[in-house]
Amino acid sequence: MISITPTLQLDPSDITWQAVRAQGSGGQNVNKVATAVHLRFDIGASALPEPVKQRLLRLSDRRITKEGVVVIKAQDHRSQVQNREEAVERLTALIRRAAIPPRKRKPSRPSRAARAKRVDTKVRRGRVKALRGKIRH
């Protein structure tokens, strides 16, 4: 089991792997060996709690497809094992972000002193504007 939070575990069987050749420079190793890894994680078919699934699907992350599948490509390391570990770390970070429930907003009101200060400022500003009128003898 992959630990996301102390109470949330991820079953490794929910993850599918595909080894592909990495892009970019790297010479003969990149051309011969499939060290890059595509991690695919189907959110709907996973054993995650339903609220976490919903928050994960609502995230605006380009790695989540319209079908609700997380696709992560890891290709920074020379070995496939290290790329797999990095892909799992990225997935756990994404799920950890969705596992935190959003805080409810508490509507606030200005204090009595703040209201009094606002009114006082308005009165002062009104007096200044009143002095801009025509002067009468």
Protein backbone atom coordinates (compact mmCIF):
# COMPACT_ATOMS: atom_id res chain seq x y z
CA MET A 1 0.00 0.00 0.00
CA ILE A 2 1.16 3.50 -0.85
CA SER A 3 0.67 5.93 2.03
CA ILE A 4 -0.89 9.26 1.07
CA THR A 5 -1.82 10.54 4.53
CA PRO A 6 -1.82 8.71 7.86
CA THR A 7 -5.45 7.67 7.23
CA LEU A 8 -5.44 7.40 3.43
CA GLN A 9 -3.82 4.52 1.56
CA LEU A 10 -3.54 3.88 -2.17
CA ASP A 11 -3.66 0.37 -3.59
CA PRO A 12 -0.79 -0.20 -6.08
CA SER A 13 -3.07 -2.36 -8.22
CA ASP A 14 -5.06 0.81 -9.09
CA ILE A 15 -2.01 2.11 -10.97
CA THR A 16 -1.09 0.94 -14.47
CA TRP A 17 2.40 1.40 -15.84
CA GLN A 18 3.79 1.69 -19.34
CA ALA A 19 7.51 1.97 -20.10
CA VAL A 20 8.31 4.25 -23.03
CA ARG A 21 11.44 5.79 -24.48
CA ALA A 22 12.38 9.13 -23.00
CA GLN A 23 12.50 12.30 -25.08
CA GLY A 24 15.38 14.71 -25.45
CA SER A 25 19.11 14.29 -25.21
CA GLY A 26 20.77 11.29 -23.62
CA GLY A 27 22.47 9.58 -26.53
CA GLN A 28 22.55 5.84 -26.93
CA ASN A 29 20.86 5.10 -23.59
CA VAL A 30 17.76 7.12 -24.52
CA ASN A 31 17.62 5.54 -27.97
CA LYS A 32 17.91 1.95 -26.75
CA VAL A 33 16.27 1.71 -23.33
CA ALA A 34 12.65 2.49 -22.38
CA THR A 35 13.37 4.26 -19.10
CA ALA A 36 10.55 6.81 -19.14
CA VAL A 37 7.33 5.78 -17.42
CA HIS A 38 3.67 6.59 -18.05
CA LEU A 39 1.62 6.21 -14.87
CA ARG A 40 -2.14 5.94 -15.34
CA PHE A 41 -4.55 6.16 -12.40
CA ASP A 42 -8.31 5.89 -12.93
CA ILE A 43 -9.93 8.06 -10.28
CA GLY A 44 -13.44 6.61 -10.66
CA ALA A 45 -12.31 2.97 -10.38
CA SER A 46 -10.00 3.58 -7.43
CA ALA A 47 -10.68 2.78 -3.78
CA LEU A 48 -10.33 6.41 -2.66
CA PRO A 49 -13.12 7.89 -0.52
CA GLU A 50 -15.84 9.58 -2.56
CA PRO A 51 -15.18 13.17 -1.31
CA VAL A 52 -11.50 12.85 -2.26
CA LYS A 53 -12.47 11.55 -5.71
CA GLN A 54 -14.80 14.51 -6.25
CA ARG A 55 -12.19 17.07 -5.19
CA LEU A 56 -9.57 15.33 -7.35
CA LEU A 57 -11.85 15.49 -10.40
CA ARG A 58 -12.56 19.17 -9.73
CA LEU A 59 -8.86 20.08 -9.71
CA SER A 60 -7.84 22.07 -12.76
CA ASP A 61 -4.77 20.01 -13.55
CA ARG A 62 -3.75 19.22 -17.12
CA ARG A 63 -2.66 15.73 -16.06
CA ILE A 64 -6.30 14.73 -15.42
CA THR A 65 -8.17 13.72 -18.58
CA LYS A 66 -11.87 14.31 -19.26
CA GLU A 67 -12.48 10.63 -18.50
CA GLY A 68 -11.07 11.07 -14.98
CA VAL A 69 -7.72 9.37 -15.53
CA VAL A 70 -4.52 10.86 -14.14
CA VAL A 71 -1.62 10.48 -16.59
CA ILE A 72 1.87 11.26 -15.31
CA LYS A 73 5.01 10.94 -17.43
CA ALA A 74 8.32 10.69 -15.59
CA GLN A 75 11.53 10.76 -17.61
CA ASP A 76 14.06 12.79 -15.62
CA HIS A 77 16.18 9.88 -14.41
CA ARG A 78 18.31 7.35 -16.26
CA SER A 79 16.70 4.33 -14.61
CA GLN A 80 13.12 3.15 -14.90
CA VAL A 81 12.93 2.43 -11.16
CA GLN A 82 13.75 6.03 -10.25
CA ASN A 83 11.24 7.32 -12.80
CA ARG A 84 8.55 5.06 -11.31
CA GLU A 85 9.29 6.39 -7.82
CA GLU A 86 9.10 9.96 -9.04
CA ALA A 87 5.78 9.30 -10.81
CA VAL A 88 4.33 7.80 -7.62
CA GLU A 89 5.56 10.83 -5.63
CA ARG A 90 3.83 13.18 -8.07
CA LEU A 91 0.60 11.16 -7.86
CA THR A 92 0.66 11.12 -4.06
CA ALA A 93 1.25 14.90 -4.00
CA LEU A 94 -1.76 15.39 -6.28
CA ILE A 95 -4.00 13.15 -4.15
CA ARG A 96 -2.70 14.74 -0.95
CA ARG A 97 -3.72 18.14 -2.31
CA ALA A 98 -7.24 16.83 -3.00
CA ALA A 99 -7.47 15.04 0.37
CA ILE A 100 -7.52 18.33 2.30
CA PRO A 101 -11.15 19.44 2.64
CA PRO A 102 -11.70 23.14 1.90
CA ARG A 103 -12.41 25.35 4.87
CA LYS A 104 -15.87 26.87 5.09
CA ARG A 105 -15.96 30.61 4.76
CA LYS A 106 -17.18 32.49 7.80
CA PRO A 107 -18.83 35.74 6.75
CA SER A 108 -17.37 38.65 8.68
CA ARG A 109 -18.68 42.11 9.47
CA PRO A 110 -16.79 45.33 10.10
CA SER A 111 -16.34 46.21 13.75
CA ARG A 112 -18.14 49.10 15.43
CA ALA A 113 -14.91 51.15 15.45
CA ALA A 114 -14.38 50.51 11.73
CA ARG A 115 -17.92 51.63 10.95
CA ALA A 116 -17.48 54.78 13.08
CA LYS A 117 -14.17 55.55 11.37
CA ARG A 118 -15.78 55.18 7.94
CA VAL A 119 -18.62 57.56 8.85
CA ASP A 120 -16.17 60.06 10.36
CA THR A 121 -14.06 59.99 7.19
CA LYS A 122 -17.17 60.54 5.06
CA VAL A 123 -18.21 63.53 7.20
CA ARG A 124 -14.72 65.08 6.93
CA ARG A 125 -14.64 64.55 3.18
CA GLY A 126 -18.08 66.16 2.88
CA ARG A 127 -16.86 69.25 4.78
CA VAL A 128 -13.84 69.57 2.47
CA LYS A 129 -16.10 69.36 -0.57
CA ALA A 130 -18.49 71.90 0.92
CA LEU A 131 -15.62 74.39 1.16
CA ARG A 132 -15.11 74.17 -2.62
CA GLY A 133 -18.32 76.02 -3.34
CA LYS A 134 -18.65 79.68 -4.35
CA ILE A 135 -17.66 82.19 -1.71
CA ARG A 136 -20.48 84.53 -0.72
CA HIS A 137 -19.89 87.91 0.96
